[in-house]
Amino acid sequence: MEETQVIEQEHNQVDYTEDGEVKLEKVEEPVKPEKKTVVRERCQFIKKGGKQCRQTGKPSQSGGPIIDGYCSYHRPKNQ
């Protein structure tokens, strides 16, 4: 199989004018900002079925903030 050479082009869009002339344009694509991912810490309590507690400390959840790895439901009471 033959190797083909890469042709570097200074345009990325071909357009035609009303006169039928070829018009080569370079269109810059907007740079998308990176999404910020929020890593939420989950409660580390393991329930009877072997599954982890799903509380993450979100304001919409009733388990409260995650302190020392546990939500307010599973936090040891002696501390």
PDB file of N, CA and C in Angstrom:
ATOM      1  N   MET A   1       0.839  -1.171   0.000  1.00  0.00           N
ATOM      2  CA  MET A   1       0.000   0.000   0.000  1.00  0.00           C
ATOM      3  C   MET A   1       0.887   1.238   0.000  1.00  0.00           C
ATOM      4  N   GLU A   2       0.552   2.195  -0.828  1.00  0.00           N
ATOM      5  CA  GLU A   2       1.367   3.396  -0.944  1.00  0.00           C
ATOM      6  C   GLU A   2       1.034   4.383   0.164  1.00  0.00           C
ATOM      7  N   GLU A   3       2.071   5.085   0.599  1.00  0.00           N
ATOM      8  CA  GLU A   3       1.854   6.128   1.588  1.00  0.00           C
ATOM      9  C   GLU A   3       1.473   7.408   0.868  1.00  0.00           C
ATOM     10  N   THR A   4       0.455   8.063   1.369  1.00  0.00           N
ATOM     11  CA  THR A   4       0.047   9.339   0.780  1.00  0.00           C
ATOM     12  C   THR A   4       0.518  10.460   1.673  1.00  0.00           C
ATOM     13  N   GLN A   5       0.900  11.557   1.069  1.00  0.00           N
ATOM     14  CA  GLN A   5       1.391  12.692   1.824  1.00  0.00           C
ATOM     15  C   GLN A   5       0.216  13.543   2.288  1.00  0.00           C
ATOM     16  N   VAL A   6       0.413  14.166   3.439  1.00  0.00           N
ATOM     17  CA  VAL A   6      -0.610  15.046   3.979  1.00  0.00           C
ATOM     18  C   VAL A   6      -0.416  16.427   3.390  1.00  0.00           C
ATOM     19  N   ILE A   7      -1.486  16.996   2.882  1.00  0.00           N
ATOM     20  CA  ILE A   7      -1.426  18.338   2.310  1.00  0.00           C
ATOM     21  C   ILE A   7      -1.953  19.322   3.348  1.00  0.00           C
ATOM     22  N   GLU A   8      -1.097  20.245   3.758  1.00  0.00           N
ATOM     23  CA  GLU A   8      -1.505  21.263   4.728  1.00  0.00           C
ATOM     24  C   GLU A   8      -2.276  22.348   3.977  1.00  0.00           C
ATOM     25  N   GLN A   9      -3.453  22.670   4.466  1.00  0.00           N
ATOM     26  CA  GLN A   9      -4.280  23.683   3.821  1.00  0.00           C
ATOM     27  C   GLN A   9      -4.471  24.861   4.764  1.00  0.00           C
ATOM     28  N   GLU A  10      -4.567  26.054   4.184  1.00  0.00           N
ATOM     29  CA  GLU A  10      -4.778  27.245   4.988  1.00  0.00           C
ATOM     30  C   GLU A  10      -6.258  27.633   5.025  1.00  0.00           C
ATOM     31  N   HIS A  11      -7.116  26.771   4.529  1.00  0.00           N
ATOM     32  CA  HIS A  11      -8.551  27.055   4.544  1.00  0.00           C
ATOM     33  C   HIS A  11      -9.293  25.781   4.933  1.00  0.00           C
ATOM     34  N   ASN A  12     -10.494  25.957   5.453  1.00  0.00           N
ATOM     35  CA  ASN A  12     -11.281  24.783   5.814  1.00  0.00           C
ATOM     36  C   ASN A  12     -12.718  24.883   5.296  1.00  0.00           C
ATOM     37  N   GLN A  13     -12.981  25.899   4.468  1.00  0.00           N
ATOM     38  CA  GLN A  13     -14.317  26.028   3.902  1.00  0.00           C
ATOM     39  C   GLN A  13     -14.210  26.569   2.485  1.00  0.00           C
ATOM     40  N   VAL A  14     -14.915  25.948   1.564  1.00  0.00           N
ATOM     41  CA  VAL A  14     -14.947  26.400   0.172  1.00  0.00           C
ATOM     42  C   VAL A  14     -16.327  26.968  -0.101  1.00  0.00           C
ATOM     43  N   ASP A  15     -16.353  28.173  -0.644  1.00  0.00           N
ATOM     44  CA  ASP A  15     -17.621  28.835  -0.933  1.00  0.00           C
ATOM     45  C   ASP A  15     -17.550  29.394  -2.347  1.00  0.00           C
ATOM     46  N   TYR A  16     -18.693  29.639  -2.953  1.00  0.00           N
ATOM     47  CA  TYR A  16     -18.747  30.197  -4.299  1.00  0.00           C
ATOM     48  C   TYR A  16     -19.448  31.546  -4.252  1.00  0.00           C
ATOM     49  N   THR A  17     -18.901  32.524  -4.962  1.00  0.00           N
ATOM     50  CA  THR A  17     -19.521  33.845  -5.028  1.00  0.00           C
ATOM     51  C   THR A  17     -20.629  33.813  -6.068  1.00  0.00           C
ATOM     52  N   GLU A  18     -21.369  34.926  -6.183  1.00  0.00           N
ATOM     53  CA  GLU A  18     -22.456  34.998  -7.180  1.00  0.00           C
ATOM     54  C   GLU A  18     -21.918  34.930  -8.594  1.00  0.00           C
ATOM     55  N   ASP A  19     -20.648  35.327  -8.796  1.00  0.00           N
ATOM     56  CA  ASP A  19     -20.031  35.287 -10.120  1.00  0.00           C
ATOM     57  C   ASP A  19     -19.532  33.895 -10.480  1.00  0.00           C
ATOM     58  N   GLY A  20     -19.577  32.959  -9.523  1.00  0.00           N
ATOM     59  CA  GLY A  20     -19.110  31.609  -9.782  1.00  0.00           C
ATOM     60  C   GLY A  20     -17.658  31.396  -9.412  1.00  0.00           C
ATOM     61  N   GLU A  21     -17.037  32.392  -8.777  1.00  0.00           N
ATOM     62  CA  GLU A  21     -15.638  32.251  -8.375  1.00  0.00           C
ATOM     63  C   GLU A  21     -15.545  31.433  -7.086  1.00  0.00           C
ATOM     64  N   VAL A  22     -14.446  30.715  -6.978  1.00  0.00           N
ATOM     65  CA  VAL A  22     -14.210  29.909  -5.784  1.00  0.00           C
ATOM     66  C   VAL A  22     -13.626  30.819  -4.712  1.00  0.00           C
ATOM     67  N   LYS A  23     -14.205  30.743  -3.530  1.00  0.00           N
ATOM     68  CA  LYS A  23     -13.753  31.564  -2.416  1.00  0.00           C
ATOM     69  C   LYS A  23     -13.364  30.628  -1.271  1.00  0.00           C
ATOM     70  N   LEU A  24     -12.083  30.660  -0.918  1.00  0.00           N
ATOM     71  CA  LEU A  24     -11.579  29.800   0.148  1.00  0.00           C
ATOM     72  C   LEU A  24     -11.553  30.602   1.449  1.00  0.00           C
ATOM     73  N   GLU A  25     -12.150  30.052   2.493  1.00  0.00           N
ATOM     74  CA  GLU A  25     -12.224  30.760   3.772  1.00  0.00           C
ATOM     75  C   GLU A  25     -11.700  29.869   4.883  1.00  0.00           C
ATOM     76  N   LYS A  26     -11.172  30.516   5.902  1.00  0.00           N
ATOM     77  CA  LYS A  26     -10.754  29.801   7.104  1.00  0.00           C
ATOM     78  C   LYS A  26     -11.720  30.206   8.205  1.00  0.00           C
ATOM     79  N   VAL A  27     -12.485  29.250   8.706  1.00  0.00           N
ATOM     80  CA  VAL A  27     -13.474  29.507   9.738  1.00  0.00           C
ATOM     81  C   VAL A  27     -12.916  28.956  11.050  1.00  0.00           C
ATOM     82  N   GLU A  28     -12.781  29.842  12.033  1.00  0.00           N
ATOM     83  CA  GLU A  28     -12.290  29.423  13.348  1.00  0.00           C
ATOM     84  C   GLU A  28     -13.458  28.876  14.163  1.00  0.00           C
ATOM     85  N   GLU A  29     -13.276  27.693  14.688  1.00  0.00           N
ATOM     86  CA  GLU A  29     -14.312  27.126  15.542  1.00  0.00           C
ATOM     87  C   GLU A  29     -14.087  27.630  16.957  1.00  0.00           C
ATOM     88  N   PRO A  30     -15.152  27.989  17.653  1.00  0.00           N
ATOM     89  CA  PRO A  30     -14.975  28.490  19.019  1.00  0.00           C
ATOM     90  C   PRO A  30     -14.440  27.386  19.935  1.00  0.00           C
ATOM     91  N   VAL A  31     -13.559  27.770  20.829  1.00  0.00           N
ATOM     92  CA  VAL A  31     -12.974  26.814  21.768  1.00  0.00           C
ATOM     93  C   VAL A  31     -13.977  26.573  22.882  1.00  0.00           C
ATOM     94  N   LYS A  32     -14.300  25.312  23.091  1.00  0.00           N
ATOM     95  CA  LYS A  32     -15.264  24.961  24.130  1.00  0.00           C
ATOM     96  C   LYS A  32     -14.551  24.912  25.476  1.00  0.00           C
ATOM     97  N   PRO A  33     -15.094  25.586  26.479  1.00  0.00           N
ATOM     98  CA  PRO A  33     -14.464  25.516  27.794  1.00  0.00           C
ATOM     99  C   PRO A  33     -14.642  24.121  28.394  1.00  0.00           C
ATOM    100  N   GLU A  34     -13.646  23.701  29.151  1.00  0.00           N
ATOM    101  CA  GLU A  34     -13.715  22.386  29.766  1.00  0.00           C
ATOM    102  C   GLU A  34     -14.754  22.387  30.878  1.00  0.00           C
ATOM    103  N   LYS A  35     -15.467  21.295  30.984  1.00  0.00           N
ATOM    104  CA  LYS A  35     -16.480  21.183  32.032  1.00  0.00           C
ATOM    105  C   LYS A  35     -15.801  20.922  33.364  1.00  0.00           C
ATOM    106  N   LYS A  36     -16.258  21.625  34.369  1.00  0.00           N
ATOM    107  CA  LYS A  36     -15.719  21.408  35.703  1.00  0.00           C
ATOM    108  C   LYS A  36     -16.514  20.266  36.348  1.00  0.00           C
ATOM    109  N   THR A  37     -15.800  19.261  36.751  1.00  0.00           N
ATOM    110  CA  THR A  37     -16.465  18.139  37.404  1.00  0.00           C
ATOM    111  C   THR A  37     -16.296  18.272  38.911  1.00  0.00           C
ATOM    112  N   VAL A  38     -17.389  18.151  39.598  1.00  0.00           N
ATOM    113  CA  VAL A  38     -17.367  18.225  41.045  1.00  0.00           C
ATOM    114  C   VAL A  38     -17.363  16.802  41.577  1.00  0.00           C
ATOM    115  N   VAL A  39     -16.319  16.450  42.282  1.00  0.00           N
ATOM    116  CA  VAL A  39     -16.223  15.117  42.855  1.00  0.00           C
ATOM    117  C   VAL A  39     -16.859  15.165  44.235  1.00  0.00           C
ATOM    118  N   ARG A  40     -17.935  14.444  44.387  1.00  0.00           N
ATOM    119  CA  ARG A  40     -18.644  14.412  45.660  1.00  0.00           C
ATOM    120  C   ARG A  40     -18.218  13.182  46.433  1.00  0.00           C
ATOM    121  N   GLU A  41     -17.966  13.387  47.692  1.00  0.00           N
ATOM    122  CA  GLU A  41     -17.603  12.280  48.558  1.00  0.00           C
ATOM    123  C   GLU A  41     -18.880  11.592  49.018  1.00  0.00           C
ATOM    124  N   ARG A  42     -18.927  10.269  48.897  1.00  0.00           N
ATOM    125  CA  ARG A  42     -20.101   9.516  49.342  1.00  0.00           C
ATOM    126  C   ARG A  42     -19.881   8.985  50.743  1.00  0.00           C
ATOM    127  N   CYS A  43     -20.983   8.804  51.447  1.00  0.00           N
ATOM    128  CA  CYS A  43     -20.939   8.184  52.776  1.00  0.00           C
ATOM    129  C   CYS A  43     -20.384   6.776  52.603  1.00  0.00           C
ATOM    130  N   GLN A  44     -19.460   6.377  53.463  1.00  0.00           N
ATOM    131  CA  GLN A  44     -18.810   5.082  53.296  1.00  0.00           C
ATOM    132  C   GLN A  44     -19.493   3.952  54.048  1.00  0.00           C
ATOM    133  N   PHE A  45     -20.663   4.203  54.618  1.00  0.00           N
ATOM    134  CA  PHE A  45     -21.394   3.172  55.345  1.00  0.00           C
ATOM    135  C   PHE A  45     -21.869   2.088  54.392  1.00  0.00           C
ATOM    136  N   ILE A  46     -21.701   0.823  54.774  1.00  0.00           N
ATOM    137  CA  ILE A  46     -22.162  -0.317  53.966  1.00  0.00           C
ATOM    138  C   ILE A  46     -23.429  -0.861  54.616  1.00  0.00           C
ATOM    139  N   LYS A  47     -24.517  -0.886  53.842  1.00  0.00           N
ATOM    140  CA  LYS A  47     -25.809  -1.333  54.363  1.00  0.00           C
ATOM    141  C   LYS A  47     -25.856  -2.864  54.440  1.00  0.00           C
ATOM    142  N   LYS A  48     -26.967  -3.385  54.971  1.00  0.00           N
ATOM    143  CA  LYS A  48     -27.115  -4.831  55.175  1.00  0.00           C
ATOM    144  C   LYS A  48     -26.937  -5.629  53.885  1.00  0.00           C
ATOM    145  N   GLY A  49     -27.436  -5.122  52.795  1.00  0.00           N
ATOM    146  CA  GLY A  49     -27.343  -5.847  51.523  1.00  0.00           C
ATOM    147  C   GLY A  49     -25.967  -5.773  50.888  1.00  0.00           C
ATOM    148  N   GLY A  50     -25.010  -5.092  51.536  1.00  0.00           N
ATOM    149  CA  GLY A  50     -23.663  -4.984  50.992  1.00  0.00           C
ATOM    150  C   GLY A  50     -23.476  -3.798  50.076  1.00  0.00           C
ATOM    151  N   LYS A  51     -24.486  -2.924  49.977  1.00  0.00           N
ATOM    152  CA  LYS A  51     -24.402  -1.757  49.116  1.00  0.00           C
ATOM    153  C   LYS A  51     -24.012  -0.529  49.925  1.00  0.00           C
ATOM    154  N   GLN A  52     -23.350   0.403  49.257  1.00  0.00           N
ATOM    155  CA  GLN A  52     -22.894   1.622  49.918  1.00  0.00           C
ATOM    156  C   GLN A  52     -24.034   2.631  50.032  1.00  0.00           C
ATOM    157  N   CYS A  53     -24.031   3.402  51.122  1.00  0.00           N
ATOM    158  CA  CYS A  53     -24.999   4.482  51.306  1.00  0.00           C
ATOM    159  C   CYS A  53     -24.831   5.485  50.164  1.00  0.00           C
ATOM    160  N   ARG A  54     -25.928   6.031  49.673  1.00  0.00           N
ATOM    161  CA  ARG A  54     -25.887   6.904  48.503  1.00  0.00           C
ATOM    162  C   ARG A  54     -25.858   8.393  48.838  1.00  0.00           C
ATOM    163  N   GLN A  55     -25.761   8.754  50.100  1.00  0.00           N
ATOM    164  CA  GLN A  55     -25.709  10.165  50.475  1.00  0.00           C
ATOM    165  C   GLN A  55     -24.373  10.769  50.035  1.00  0.00           C
ATOM    166  N   THR A  56     -24.444  11.954  49.382  1.00  0.00           N
ATOM    167  CA  THR A  56     -23.224  12.613  48.900  1.00  0.00           C
ATOM    168  C   THR A  56     -23.047  14.012  49.476  1.00  0.00           C
ATOM    169  N   GLY A  57     -23.960  14.442  50.322  1.00  0.00           N
ATOM    170  CA  GLY A  57     -23.823  15.765  50.914  1.00  0.00           C
ATOM    171  C   GLY A  57     -24.402  16.878  50.076  1.00  0.00           C
ATOM    172  N   LYS A  58     -25.195  16.554  49.068  1.00  0.00           N
ATOM    173  CA  LYS A  58     -25.834  17.583  48.250  1.00  0.00           C
ATOM    174  C   LYS A  58     -26.872  18.313  49.091  1.00  0.00           C
ATOM    175  N   PRO A  59     -27.118  19.599  48.785  1.00  0.00           N
ATOM    176  CA  PRO A  59     -28.133  20.338  49.540  1.00  0.00           C
ATOM    177  C   PRO A  59     -29.533  19.751  49.423  1.00  0.00           C
ATOM    178  N   SER A  60     -29.832  19.077  48.315  1.00  0.00           N
ATOM    179  CA  SER A  60     -31.166  18.508  48.113  1.00  0.00           C
ATOM    180  C   SER A  60     -31.352  17.174  48.852  1.00  0.00           C
ATOM    181  N   GLN A  61     -30.278  16.630  49.430  1.00  0.00           N
ATOM    182  CA  GLN A  61     -30.382  15.363  50.152  1.00  0.00           C
ATOM    183  C   GLN A  61     -30.522  15.637  51.642  1.00  0.00           C
ATOM    184  N   SER A  62     -31.191  14.743  52.325  1.00  0.00           N
ATOM    185  CA  SER A  62     -31.476  14.954  53.742  1.00  0.00           C
ATOM    186  C   SER A  62     -30.408  14.390  54.672  1.00  0.00           C
ATOM    187  N   GLY A  63     -29.363  13.782  54.125  1.00  0.00           N
ATOM    188  CA  GLY A  63     -28.331  13.175  54.963  1.00  0.00           C
ATOM    189  C   GLY A  63     -27.316  14.138  55.514  1.00  0.00           C
ATOM    190  N   GLY A  64     -27.414  15.404  55.136  1.00  0.00           N
ATOM    191  CA  GLY A  64     -26.482  16.394  55.642  1.00  0.00           C
ATOM    192  C   GLY A  64     -25.109  16.274  55.016  1.00  0.00           C
ATOM    193  N   PRO A  65     -24.151  17.073  55.497  1.00  0.00           N
ATOM    194  CA  PRO A  65     -22.806  17.022  54.935  1.00  0.00           C
ATOM    195  C   PRO A  65     -22.077  15.735  55.317  1.00  0.00           C
ATOM    196  N   ILE A  66     -21.103  15.360  54.510  1.00  0.00           N
ATOM    197  CA  ILE A  66     -20.293  14.178  54.789  1.00  0.00           C
ATOM    198  C   ILE A  66     -19.144  14.628  55.688  1.00  0.00           C
ATOM    199  N   ILE A  67     -19.117  14.147  56.928  1.00  0.00           N
ATOM    200  CA  ILE A  67     -18.077  14.495  57.885  1.00  0.00           C
ATOM    201  C   ILE A  67     -17.399  13.209  58.320  1.00  0.00           C
ATOM    202  N   ASP A  68     -16.075  13.179  58.214  1.00  0.00           N
ATOM    203  CA  ASP A  68     -15.273  11.994  58.542  1.00  0.00           C
ATOM    204  C   ASP A  68     -15.753  10.761  57.781  1.00  0.00           C
ATOM    205  N   GLY A  69     -16.262  10.949  56.555  1.00  0.00           N
ATOM    206  CA  GLY A  69     -16.646   9.826  55.709  1.00  0.00           C
ATOM    207  C   GLY A  69     -18.052   9.309  55.909  1.00  0.00           C
ATOM    208  N   TYR A  70     -18.859   9.933  56.793  1.00  0.00           N
ATOM    209  CA  TYR A  70     -20.211   9.437  57.046  1.00  0.00           C
ATOM    210  C   TYR A  70     -21.233  10.569  56.978  1.00  0.00           C
ATOM    211  N   CYS A  71     -22.459  10.237  56.552  1.00  0.00           N
ATOM    212  CA  CYS A  71     -23.562  11.201  56.551  1.00  0.00           C
ATOM    213  C   CYS A  71     -24.139  11.288  57.965  1.00  0.00           C
ATOM    214  N   SER A  72     -25.099  12.170  58.169  1.00  0.00           N
ATOM    215  CA  SER A  72     -25.652  12.341  59.518  1.00  0.00           C
ATOM    216  C   SER A  72     -26.417  11.105  59.997  1.00  0.00           C
ATOM    217  N   TYR A  73     -26.918  10.286  59.059  1.00  0.00           N
ATOM    218  CA  TYR A  73     -27.627   9.068  59.454  1.00  0.00           C
ATOM    219  C   TYR A  73     -26.670   8.008  60.008  1.00  0.00           C
ATOM    220  N   HIS A  74     -25.475   7.911  59.453  1.00  0.00           N
ATOM    221  CA  HIS A  74     -24.569   6.814  59.779  1.00  0.00           C
ATOM    222  C   HIS A  74     -23.347   7.256  60.580  1.00  0.00           C
ATOM    223  N   ARG A  75     -23.267   8.517  60.944  1.00  0.00           N
ATOM    224  CA  ARG A  75     -22.139   9.012  61.739  1.00  0.00           C
ATOM    225  C   ARG A  75     -22.208   8.402  63.128  1.00  0.00           C
ATOM    226  N   PRO A  76     -21.075   7.924  63.632  1.00  0.00           N
ATOM    227  CA  PRO A  76     -21.077   7.350  64.999  1.00  0.00           C
ATOM    228  C   PRO A  76     -21.558   8.382  66.006  1.00  0.00           C
ATOM    229  N   LYS A  77     -22.432   7.980  66.916  1.00  0.00           N
ATOM    230  CA  LYS A  77     -23.035   8.899  67.886  1.00  0.00           C
ATOM    231  C   LYS A  77     -22.109   9.256  69.036  1.00  0.00           C
ATOM    232  N   ASN A  78     -21.064   8.459  69.294  1.00  0.00           N
ATOM    233  CA  ASN A  78     -20.185   8.691  70.435  1.00  0.00           C
ATOM    234  C   ASN A  78     -19.120   9.764  70.189  1.00  0.00           C
ATOM    235  N   GLN A  79     -19.139  10.419  69.051  1.00  0.00           N
ATOM    236  CA  GLN A  79     -18.125  11.442  68.781  1.00  0.00           C
ATOM    237  C   GLN A  79     -18.655  12.812  69.075  1.00  0.00           C
TER     238      GLN A  79
END
